[in-house]
Amino acid sequence: NAKDTVHLQMGSLKPEDTAVYYCAAA
């Protein structure tokens, strides 16, 4: 919250994780 950022650390990736990834705010 100090840097106004959100992260997604992804590990052990699989072919089925292939996609366009979007961040969203509510």
mmCIF file of all heavy atoms, coordinates in Angstrom:
data_MODEL
# 
_entry.id   MODEL 
# 
loop_
_atom_site.group_PDB 
_atom_site.id 
_atom_site.type_symbol 
_atom_site.label_atom_id 
_atom_site.label_alt_id 
_atom_site.label_comp_id 
_atom_site.label_asym_id 
_atom_site.label_entity_id 
_atom_site.label_seq_id 
_atom_site.pdbx_PDB_ins_code 
_atom_site.Cartn_x 
_atom_site.Cartn_y 
_atom_site.Cartn_z 
_atom_site.occupancy 
_atom_site.B_iso_or_equiv 
_atom_site.pdbx_formal_charge 
_atom_site.auth_seq_id 
_atom_site.auth_comp_id 
_atom_site.auth_asym_id 
_atom_site.auth_atom_id 
_atom_site.pdbx_PDB_model_num 
ATOM 1   N N   . ASN A 1 1  ? 0.813   -1.218  0.000   1.00 0.00 ? 1  ASN A N   1 
ATOM 2   C CA  . ASN A 1 1  ? 0.000   0.000   0.000   1.00 0.00 ? 1  ASN A CA  1 
ATOM 3   C C   . ASN A 1 1  ? 0.851   1.274   0.000   1.00 0.00 ? 1  ASN A C   1 
ATOM 4   O O   . ASN A 1 1  ? 0.344   2.343   -0.332  1.00 0.00 ? 1  ASN A O   1 
ATOM 5   C CB  . ASN A 1 1  ? -0.955  0.000   1.189   1.00 0.00 ? 1  ASN A CB  1 
ATOM 6   C CG  . ASN A 1 1  ? -2.097  -0.981  1.002   1.00 0.00 ? 1  ASN A CG  1 
ATOM 7   O OD1 . ASN A 1 1  ? -2.377  -1.428  -0.112  1.00 0.00 ? 1  ASN A OD1 1 
ATOM 8   N ND2 . ASN A 1 1  ? -2.763  -1.334  2.090   1.00 0.00 ? 1  ASN A ND2 1 
ATOM 9   N N   . ALA A 1 2  ? 2.108   1.165   0.351   1.00 0.00 ? 2  ALA A N   1 
ATOM 10  C CA  . ALA A 1 2  ? 2.997   2.329   0.290   1.00 0.00 ? 2  ALA A CA  1 
ATOM 11  C C   . ALA A 1 2  ? 3.426   2.635   -1.143  1.00 0.00 ? 2  ALA A C   1 
ATOM 12  O O   . ALA A 1 2  ? 3.763   3.777   -1.463  1.00 0.00 ? 2  ALA A O   1 
ATOM 13  C CB  . ALA A 1 2  ? 4.226   2.091   1.163   1.00 0.00 ? 2  ALA A CB  1 
ATOM 14  N N   . LYS A 1 3  ? 3.407   1.594   -1.983  1.00 0.00 ? 3  LYS A N   1 
ATOM 15  C CA  . LYS A 1 3  ? 3.841   1.751   -3.375  1.00 0.00 ? 3  LYS A CA  1 
ATOM 16  C C   . LYS A 1 3  ? 2.703   1.596   -4.373  1.00 0.00 ? 3  LYS A C   1 
ATOM 17  O O   . LYS A 1 3  ? 2.923   1.600   -5.580  1.00 0.00 ? 3  LYS A O   1 
ATOM 18  C CB  . LYS A 1 3  ? 4.945   0.745   -3.692  1.00 0.00 ? 3  LYS A CB  1 
ATOM 19  C CG  . LYS A 1 3  ? 6.214   0.952   -2.882  1.00 0.00 ? 3  LYS A CG  1 
ATOM 20  C CD  . LYS A 1 3  ? 7.289   -0.044  -3.271  1.00 0.00 ? 3  LYS A CD  1 
ATOM 21  C CE  . LYS A 1 3  ? 8.574   0.199   -2.490  1.00 0.00 ? 3  LYS A CE  1 
ATOM 22  N NZ  . LYS A 1 3  ? 9.632   -0.777  -2.842  1.00 0.00 ? 3  LYS A NZ  1 
ATOM 23  N N   . ASP A 1 4  ? 1.479   1.431   -3.855  1.00 0.00 ? 4  ASP A N   1 
ATOM 24  C CA  . ASP A 1 4  ? 0.298   1.299   -4.718  1.00 0.00 ? 4  ASP A CA  1 
ATOM 25  C C   . ASP A 1 4  ? 0.467   0.189   -5.750  1.00 0.00 ? 4  ASP A C   1 
ATOM 26  O O   . ASP A 1 4  ? 0.198   0.384   -6.951  1.00 0.00 ? 4  ASP A O   1 
ATOM 27  C CB  . ASP A 1 4  ? -0.026  2.624   -5.426  1.00 0.00 ? 4  ASP A CB  1 
ATOM 28  C CG  . ASP A 1 4  ? -0.462  3.711   -4.467  1.00 0.00 ? 4  ASP A CG  1 
ATOM 29  O OD1 . ASP A 1 4  ? -0.542  3.443   -3.256  1.00 0.00 ? 4  ASP A OD1 1 
ATOM 30  O OD2 . ASP A 1 4  ? -0.728  4.833   -4.928  1.00 0.00 ? 4  ASP A OD2 1 
ATOM 31  N N   . THR A 1 5  ? 0.919   -0.959  -5.280  1.00 0.00 ? 5  THR A N   1 
ATOM 32  C CA  . THR A 1 5  ? 1.118   -2.078  -6.183  1.00 0.00 ? 5  THR A CA  1 
ATOM 33  C C   . THR A 1 5  ? 0.532   -3.363  -5.588  1.00 0.00 ? 5  THR A C   1 
ATOM 34  O O   . THR A 1 5  ? 0.431   -3.516  -4.367  1.00 0.00 ? 5  THR A O   1 
ATOM 35  C CB  . THR A 1 5  ? 2.598   -2.321  -6.486  1.00 0.00 ? 5  THR A CB  1 
ATOM 36  O OG1 . THR A 1 5  ? 3.289   -2.523  -5.248  1.00 0.00 ? 5  THR A OG1 1 
ATOM 37  C CG2 . THR A 1 5  ? 3.220   -1.167  -7.244  1.00 0.00 ? 5  THR A CG2 1 
ATOM 38  N N   . VAL A 1 6  ? 0.178   -4.255  -6.477  1.00 0.00 ? 6  VAL A N   1 
ATOM 39  C CA  . VAL A 1 6  ? -0.251  -5.595  -6.094  1.00 0.00 ? 6  VAL A CA  1 
ATOM 40  C C   . VAL A 1 6  ? 0.521   -6.586  -6.966  1.00 0.00 ? 6  VAL A C   1 
ATOM 41  O O   . VAL A 1 6  ? 0.799   -6.311  -8.132  1.00 0.00 ? 6  VAL A O   1 
ATOM 42  C CB  . VAL A 1 6  ? -1.776  -5.765  -6.238  1.00 0.00 ? 6  VAL A CB  1 
ATOM 43  C CG1 . VAL A 1 6  ? -2.250  -5.499  -7.658  1.00 0.00 ? 6  VAL A CG1 1 
ATOM 44  C CG2 . VAL A 1 6  ? -2.222  -7.131  -5.758  1.00 0.00 ? 6  VAL A CG2 1 
ATOM 45  N N   . HIS A 1 7  ? 0.886   -7.698  -6.368  1.00 0.00 ? 7  HIS A N   1 
ATOM 46  C CA  . HIS A 1 7  ? 1.695   -8.681  -7.060  1.00 0.00 ? 7  HIS A CA  1 
ATOM 47  C C   . HIS A 1 7  ? 1.008   -10.045 -7.048  1.00 0.00 ? 7  HIS A C   1 
ATOM 48  O O   . HIS A 1 7  ? 0.209   -10.346 -6.161  1.00 0.00 ? 7  HIS A O   1 
ATOM 49  C CB  . HIS A 1 7  ? 3.057   -8.813  -6.379  1.00 0.00 ? 7  HIS A CB  1 
ATOM 50  C CG  . HIS A 1 7  ? 3.814   -7.537  -6.283  1.00 0.00 ? 7  HIS A CG  1 
ATOM 51  N ND1 . HIS A 1 7  ? 4.438   -6.957  -7.366  1.00 0.00 ? 7  HIS A ND1 1 
ATOM 52  C CD2 . HIS A 1 7  ? 4.037   -6.707  -5.238  1.00 0.00 ? 7  HIS A CD2 1 
ATOM 53  C CE1 . HIS A 1 7  ? 5.016   -5.835  -6.986  1.00 0.00 ? 7  HIS A CE1 1 
ATOM 54  N NE2 . HIS A 1 7  ? 4.788   -5.655  -5.699  1.00 0.00 ? 7  HIS A NE2 1 
ATOM 55  N N   . LEU A 1 8  ? 1.385   -10.856 -8.024  1.00 0.00 ? 8  LEU A N   1 
ATOM 56  C CA  . LEU A 1 8  ? 0.979   -12.248 -8.036  1.00 0.00 ? 8  LEU A CA  1 
ATOM 57  C C   . LEU A 1 8  ? 2.229   -13.072 -8.324  1.00 0.00 ? 8  LEU A C   1 
ATOM 58  O O   . LEU A 1 8  ? 2.737   -13.060 -9.450  1.00 0.00 ? 8  LEU A O   1 
ATOM 59  C CB  . LEU A 1 8  ? -0.097  -12.506 -9.088  1.00 0.00 ? 8  LEU A CB  1 
ATOM 60  C CG  . LEU A 1 8  ? -0.651  -13.927 -9.090  1.00 0.00 ? 8  LEU A CG  1 
ATOM 61  C CD1 . LEU A 1 8  ? -1.454  -14.182 -7.810  1.00 0.00 ? 8  LEU A CD1 1 
ATOM 62  C CD2 . LEU A 1 8  ? -1.528  -14.182 -10.315 1.00 0.00 ? 8  LEU A CD2 1 
ATOM 63  N N   . GLN A 1 9  ? 2.721   -13.733 -7.307  1.00 0.00 ? 9  GLN A N   1 
ATOM 64  C CA  . GLN A 1 9  ? 3.860   -14.627 -7.459  1.00 0.00 ? 9  GLN A CA  1 
ATOM 65  C C   . GLN A 1 9  ? 3.331   -15.995 -7.863  1.00 0.00 ? 9  GLN A C   1 
ATOM 66  O O   . GLN A 1 9  ? 2.541   -16.597 -7.125  1.00 0.00 ? 9  GLN A O   1 
ATOM 67  C CB  . GLN A 1 9  ? 4.647   -14.726 -6.150  1.00 0.00 ? 9  GLN A CB  1 
ATOM 68  C CG  . GLN A 1 9  ? 5.849   -15.644 -6.227  1.00 0.00 ? 9  GLN A CG  1 
ATOM 69  C CD  . GLN A 1 9  ? 6.937   -15.105 -7.135  1.00 0.00 ? 9  GLN A CD  1 
ATOM 70  O OE1 . GLN A 1 9  ? 7.309   -13.929 -7.046  1.00 0.00 ? 9  GLN A OE1 1 
ATOM 71  N NE2 . GLN A 1 9  ? 7.464   -15.954 -8.018  1.00 0.00 ? 9  GLN A NE2 1 
ATOM 72  N N   . MET A 1 10 ? 3.759   -16.462 -9.030  1.00 0.00 ? 10 MET A N   1 
ATOM 73  C CA  . MET A 1 10 ? 3.259   -17.731 -9.560  1.00 0.00 ? 10 MET A CA  1 
ATOM 74  C C   . MET A 1 10 ? 4.393   -18.734 -9.644  1.00 0.00 ? 10 MET A C   1 
ATOM 75  O O   . MET A 1 10 ? 5.440   -18.438 -10.231 1.00 0.00 ? 10 MET A O   1 
ATOM 76  C CB  . MET A 1 10 ? 2.655   -17.517 -10.948 1.00 0.00 ? 10 MET A CB  1 
ATOM 77  C CG  . MET A 1 10 ? 1.569   -16.438 -10.975 1.00 0.00 ? 10 MET A CG  1 
ATOM 78  S SD  . MET A 1 10 ? 0.750   -16.321 -12.578 1.00 0.00 ? 10 MET A SD  1 
ATOM 79  C CE  . MET A 1 10 ? 2.100   -15.757 -13.598 1.00 0.00 ? 10 MET A CE  1 
ATOM 80  N N   . GLY A 1 11 ? 4.198   -19.908 -9.062  1.00 0.00 ? 11 GLY A N   1 
ATOM 81  C CA  . GLY A 1 11 ? 5.208   -20.942 -9.093  1.00 0.00 ? 11 GLY A CA  1 
ATOM 82  C C   . GLY A 1 11 ? 4.625   -22.260 -9.560  1.00 0.00 ? 11 GLY A C   1 
ATOM 83  O O   . GLY A 1 11 ? 3.403   -22.423 -9.669  1.00 0.00 ? 11 GLY A O   1 
ATOM 84  N N   . SER A 1 12 ? 5.516   -23.197 -9.858  1.00 0.00 ? 12 SER A N   1 
ATOM 85  C CA  . SER A 1 12 ? 5.093   -24.523 -10.356 1.00 0.00 ? 12 SER A CA  1 
ATOM 86  C C   . SER A 1 12 ? 4.069   -24.372 -11.468 1.00 0.00 ? 12 SER A C   1 
ATOM 87  O O   . SER A 1 12 ? 3.032   -25.049 -11.485 1.00 0.00 ? 12 SER A O   1 
ATOM 88  C CB  . SER A 1 12 ? 4.519   -25.357 -9.213  1.00 0.00 ? 12 SER A CB  1 
ATOM 89  O OG  . SER A 1 12 ? 5.460   -25.529 -8.177  1.00 0.00 ? 12 SER A OG  1 
ATOM 90  N N   . LEU A 1 13 ? 4.374   -23.505 -12.405 1.00 0.00 ? 13 LEU A N   1 
ATOM 91  C CA  . LEU A 1 13 ? 3.403   -23.175 -13.461 1.00 0.00 ? 13 LEU A CA  1 
ATOM 92  C C   . LEU A 1 13 ? 3.110   -24.376 -14.345 1.00 0.00 ? 13 LEU A C   1 
ATOM 93  O O   . LEU A 1 13 ? 3.996   -25.212 -14.609 1.00 0.00 ? 13 LEU A O   1 
ATOM 94  C CB  . LEU A 1 13 ? 3.906   -22.000 -14.281 1.00 0.00 ? 13 LEU A CB  1 
ATOM 95  C CG  . LEU A 1 13 ? 3.736   -20.653 -13.575 1.00 0.00 ? 13 LEU A CG  1 
ATOM 96  C CD1 . LEU A 1 13 ? 4.633   -19.597 -14.215 1.00 0.00 ? 13 LEU A CD1 1 
ATOM 97  C CD2 . LEU A 1 13 ? 2.286   -20.204 -13.628 1.00 0.00 ? 13 LEU A CD2 1 
ATOM 98  N N   . LYS A 1 14 ? 1.866   -24.428 -14.803 1.00 0.00 ? 14 LYS A N   1 
ATOM 99  C CA  . LYS A 1 14 ? 1.382   -25.515 -15.655 1.00 0.00 ? 14 LYS A CA  1 
ATOM 100 C C   . LYS A 1 14 ? 0.867   -24.929 -16.963 1.00 0.00 ? 14 LYS A C   1 
ATOM 101 O O   . LYS A 1 14 ? 0.438   -23.765 -16.997 1.00 0.00 ? 14 LYS A O   1 
ATOM 102 C CB  . LYS A 1 14 ? 0.250   -26.249 -14.952 1.00 0.00 ? 14 LYS A CB  1 
ATOM 103 C CG  . LYS A 1 14 ? 0.606   -26.787 -13.574 1.00 0.00 ? 14 LYS A CG  1 
ATOM 104 C CD  . LYS A 1 14 ? -0.607  -27.402 -12.903 1.00 0.00 ? 14 LYS A CD  1 
ATOM 105 C CE  . LYS A 1 14 ? -0.256  -27.917 -11.506 1.00 0.00 ? 14 LYS A CE  1 
ATOM 106 N NZ  . LYS A 1 14 ? -1.433  -28.521 -10.836 1.00 0.00 ? 14 LYS A NZ  1 
ATOM 107 N N   . PRO A 1 15 ? 0.863   -25.707 -18.030 1.00 0.00 ? 15 PRO A N   1 
ATOM 108 C CA  . PRO A 1 15 ? 0.319   -25.193 -19.298 1.00 0.00 ? 15 PRO A CA  1 
ATOM 109 C C   . PRO A 1 15 ? -1.100  -24.655 -19.148 1.00 0.00 ? 15 PRO A C   1 
ATOM 110 O O   . PRO A 1 15 ? -1.463  -23.687 -19.836 1.00 0.00 ? 15 PRO A O   1 
ATOM 111 C CB  . PRO A 1 15 ? 0.382   -26.418 -20.212 1.00 0.00 ? 15 PRO A CB  1 
ATOM 112 C CG  . PRO A 1 15 ? 1.543   -27.205 -19.691 1.00 0.00 ? 15 PRO A CG  1 
ATOM 113 C CD  . PRO A 1 15 ? 1.477   -27.038 -18.195 1.00 0.00 ? 15 PRO A CD  1 
ATOM 114 N N   . GLU A 1 16 ? -1.888  -25.236 -18.269 1.00 0.00 ? 16 GLU A N   1 
ATOM 115 C CA  . GLU A 1 16 ? -3.265  -24.765 -18.090 1.00 0.00 ? 16 GLU A CA  1 
ATOM 116 C C   . GLU A 1 16 ? -3.345  -23.414 -17.382 1.00 0.00 ? 16 GLU A C   1 
ATOM 117 O O   . GLU A 1 16 ? -4.439  -22.835 -17.266 1.00 0.00 ? 16 GLU A O   1 
ATOM 118 C CB  . GLU A 1 16 ? -4.108  -25.800 -17.331 1.00 0.00 ? 16 GLU A CB  1 
ATOM 119 C CG  . GLU A 1 16 ? -3.495  -26.293 -16.049 1.00 0.00 ? 16 GLU A CG  1 
ATOM 120 C CD  . GLU A 1 16 ? -2.757  -27.618 -16.235 1.00 0.00 ? 16 GLU A CD  1 
ATOM 121 O OE1 . GLU A 1 16 ? -2.029  -27.757 -17.242 1.00 0.00 ? 16 GLU A OE1 1 
ATOM 122 O OE2 . GLU A 1 16 ? -2.888  -28.479 -15.344 1.00 0.00 ? 16 GLU A OE2 1 
ATOM 123 N N   . ASP A 1 17 ? -2.221  -22.883 -16.915 1.00 0.00 ? 17 ASP A N   1 
ATOM 124 C CA  . ASP A 1 17 ? -2.191  -21.523 -16.366 1.00 0.00 ? 17 ASP A CA  1 
ATOM 125 C C   . ASP A 1 17 ? -2.056  -20.472 -17.466 1.00 0.00 ? 17 ASP A C   1 
ATOM 126 O O   . ASP A 1 17 ? -2.123  -19.276 -17.184 1.00 0.00 ? 17 ASP A O   1 
ATOM 127 C CB  . ASP A 1 17 ? -1.029  -21.365 -15.378 1.00 0.00 ? 17 ASP A CB  1 
ATOM 128 C CG  . ASP A 1 17 ? -1.190  -22.224 -14.136 1.00 0.00 ? 17 ASP A CG  1 
ATOM 129 O OD1 . ASP A 1 17 ? -2.315  -22.301 -13.604 1.00 0.00 ? 17 ASP A OD1 1 
ATOM 130 O OD2 . ASP A 1 17 ? -0.178  -22.809 -13.698 1.00 0.00 ? 17 ASP A OD2 1 
ATOM 131 N N   . THR A 1 18 ? -1.848  -20.909 -18.688 1.00 0.00 ? 18 THR A N   1 
ATOM 132 C CA  . THR A 1 18 ? -1.720  -19.984 -19.812 1.00 0.00 ? 18 THR A CA  1 
ATOM 133 C C   . THR A 1 18 ? -2.996  -19.171 -19.977 1.00 0.00 ? 18 THR A C   1 
ATOM 134 O O   . THR A 1 18 ? -4.094  -19.729 -20.076 1.00 0.00 ? 18 THR A O   1 
ATOM 135 C CB  . THR A 1 18 ? -1.418  -20.751 -21.099 1.00 0.00 ? 18 THR A CB  1 
ATOM 136 O OG1 . THR A 1 18 ? -0.134  -21.379 -20.982 1.00 0.00 ? 18 THR A OG1 1 
ATOM 137 C CG2 . THR A 1 18 ? -1.413  -19.821 -22.299 1.00 0.00 ? 18 THR A CG2 1 
ATOM 138 N N   . ALA A 1 19 ? -2.857  -17.849 -19.988 1.00 0.00 ? 19 ALA A N   1 
ATOM 139 C CA  . ALA A 1 19 ? -4.006  -16.954 -20.085 1.00 0.00 ? 19 ALA A CA  1 
ATOM 140 C C   . ALA A 1 19 ? -3.505  -15.522 -20.109 1.00 0.00 ? 19 ALA A C   1 
ATOM 141 O O   . ALA A 1 19 ? -2.324  -15.257 -19.855 1.00 0.00 ? 19 ALA A O   1 
ATOM 142 C CB  . ALA A 1 19 ? -4.951  -17.144 -18.899 1.00 0.00 ? 19 ALA A CB  1 
ATOM 143 N N   . VAL A 1 20 ? -4.424  -14.603 -20.375 1.00 0.00 ? 20 VAL A N   1 
ATOM 144 C CA  . VAL A 1 20 ? -4.172  -13.191 -20.104 1.00 0.00 ? 20 VAL A CA  1 
ATOM 145 C C   . VAL A 1 20 ? -4.593  -12.938 -18.660 1.00 0.00 ? 20 VAL A C   1 
ATOM 146 O O   . VAL A 1 20 ? -5.718  -13.277 -18.268 1.00 0.00 ? 20 VAL A O   1 
ATOM 147 C CB  . VAL A 1 20 ? -4.952  -12.283 -21.063 1.00 0.00 ? 20 VAL A CB  1 
ATOM 148 C CG1 . VAL A 1 20 ? -4.717  -10.816 -20.701 1.00 0.00 ? 20 VAL A CG1 1 
ATOM 149 C CG2 . VAL A 1 20 ? -4.533  -12.549 -22.509 1.00 0.00 ? 20 VAL A CG2 1 
ATOM 150 N N   . TYR A 1 21 ? -3.711  -12.364 -17.897 1.00 0.00 ? 21 TYR A N   1 
ATOM 151 C CA  . TYR A 1 21 ? -3.962  -12.095 -16.481 1.00 0.00 ? 21 TYR A CA  1 
ATOM 152 C C   . TYR A 1 21 ? -4.283  -10.618 -16.294 1.00 0.00 ? 21 TYR A C   1 
ATOM 153 O O   . TYR A 1 21 ? -3.563  -9.751  -16.803 1.00 0.00 ? 21 TYR A O   1 
ATOM 154 C CB  . TYR A 1 21 ? -2.751  -12.494 -15.644 1.00 0.00 ? 21 TYR A CB  1 
ATOM 155 C CG  . TYR A 1 21 ? -2.649  -13.976 -15.430 1.00 0.00 ? 21 TYR A CG  1 
ATOM 156 C CD1 . TYR A 1 21 ? -2.301  -14.826 -16.478 1.00 0.00 ? 21 TYR A CD1 1 
ATOM 157 C CD2 . TYR A 1 21 ? -2.927  -14.550 -14.196 1.00 0.00 ? 21 TYR A CD2 1 
ATOM 158 C CE1 . TYR A 1 21 ? -2.232  -16.197 -16.299 1.00 0.00 ? 21 TYR A CE1 1 
ATOM 159 C CE2 . TYR A 1 21 ? -2.854  -15.917 -13.995 1.00 0.00 ? 21 TYR A CE2 1 
ATOM 160 C CZ  . TYR A 1 21 ? -2.510  -16.736 -15.051 1.00 0.00 ? 21 TYR A CZ  1 
ATOM 161 O OH  . TYR A 1 21 ? -2.440  -18.107 -14.867 1.00 0.00 ? 21 TYR A OH  1 
ATOM 162 N N   . TYR A 1 22 ? -5.350  -10.368 -15.541 1.00 0.00 ? 22 TYR A N   1 
ATOM 163 C CA  . TYR A 1 22 ? -5.816  -9.003  -15.292 1.00 0.00 ? 22 TYR A CA  1 
ATOM 164 C C   . TYR A 1 22 ? -5.828  -8.722  -13.795 1.00 0.00 ? 22 TYR A C   1 
ATOM 165 O O   . TYR A 1 22 ? -6.247  -9.578  -13.010 1.00 0.00 ? 22 TYR A O   1 
ATOM 166 C CB  . TYR A 1 22 ? -7.249  -8.827  -15.797 1.00 0.00 ? 22 TYR A CB  1 
ATOM 167 C CG  . TYR A 1 22 ? -7.436  -9.031  -17.262 1.00 0.00 ? 22 TYR A CG  1 
ATOM 168 C CD1 . TYR A 1 22 ? -7.717  -10.291 -17.790 1.00 0.00 ? 22 TYR A CD1 1 
ATOM 169 C CD2 . TYR A 1 22 ? -7.366  -7.949  -18.146 1.00 0.00 ? 22 TYR A CD2 1 
ATOM 170 C CE1 . TYR A 1 22 ? -7.902  -10.475 -19.151 1.00 0.00 ? 22 TYR A CE1 1 
ATOM 171 C CE2 . TYR A 1 22 ? -7.549  -8.124  -19.509 1.00 0.00 ? 22 TYR A CE2 1 
ATOM 172 C CZ  . TYR A 1 22 ? -7.809  -9.394  -20.000 1.00 0.00 ? 22 TYR A CZ  1 
ATOM 173 O OH  . TYR A 1 22 ? -8.008  -9.561  -21.345 1.00 0.00 ? 22 TYR A OH  1 
ATOM 174 N N   . CYS A 1 23 ? -5.406  -7.527  -13.416 1.00 0.00 ? 23 CYS A N   1 
ATOM 175 C CA  . CYS A 1 23 ? -5.652  -7.119  -12.043 1.00 0.00 ? 23 CYS A CA  1 
ATOM 176 C C   . CYS A 1 23 ? -6.906  -6.242  -12.013 1.00 0.00 ? 23 CYS A C   1 
ATOM 177 O O   . CYS A 1 23 ? -7.267  -5.621  -13.021 1.00 0.00 ? 23 CYS A O   1 
ATOM 178 C CB  . CYS A 1 23 ? -4.467  -6.407  -11.417 1.00 0.00 ? 23 CYS A CB  1 
ATOM 179 S SG  . CYS A 1 23 ? -4.058  -4.806  -12.094 1.00 0.00 ? 23 CYS A SG  1 
ATOM 180 N N   . ALA A 1 24 ? -7.558  -6.246  -10.876 1.00 0.00 ? 24 ALA A N   1 
ATOM 181 C CA  . ALA A 1 24 ? -8.829  -5.553  -10.732 1.00 0.00 ? 24 ALA A CA  1 
ATOM 182 C C   . ALA A 1 24 ? -8.948  -4.954  -9.339  1.00 0.00 ? 24 ALA A C   1 
ATOM 183 O O   . ALA A 1 24 ? -8.390  -5.492  -8.380  1.00 0.00 ? 24 ALA A O   1 
ATOM 184 C CB  . ALA A 1 24 ? -9.982  -6.524  -10.981 1.00 0.00 ? 24 ALA A CB  1 
ATOM 185 N N   . ALA A 1 25 ? -9.691  -3.858  -9.253  1.00 0.00 ? 25 ALA A N   1 
ATOM 186 C CA  . ALA A 1 25 ? -9.906  -3.172  -7.979  1.00 0.00 ? 25 ALA A CA  1 
ATOM 187 C C   . ALA A 1 25 ? -11.392 -2.990  -7.730  1.00 0.00 ? 25 ALA A C   1 
ATOM 188 O O   . ALA A 1 25 ? -12.143 -2.632  -8.650  1.00 0.00 ? 25 ALA A O   1 
ATOM 189 C CB  . ALA A 1 25 ? -9.208  -1.819  -7.985  1.00 0.00 ? 25 ALA A CB  1 
ATOM 190 N N   . ALA A 1 26 ? -11.788 -3.234  -6.489  1.00 0.00 ? 26 ALA A N   1 
ATOM 191 C CA  . ALA A 1 26 ? -13.188 -3.116  -6.097  1.00 0.00 ? 26 ALA A CA  1 
ATOM 192 C C   . ALA A 1 26 ? -13.339 -2.037  -5.039  1.00 0.00 ? 26 ALA A C   1 
ATOM 193 O O   . ALA A 1 26 ? -12.614 -2.029  -4.045  1.00 0.00 ? 26 ALA A O   1 
ATOM 194 C CB  . ALA A 1 26 ? -13.696 -4.444  -5.556  1.00 0.00 ? 26 ALA A CB  1 
# 
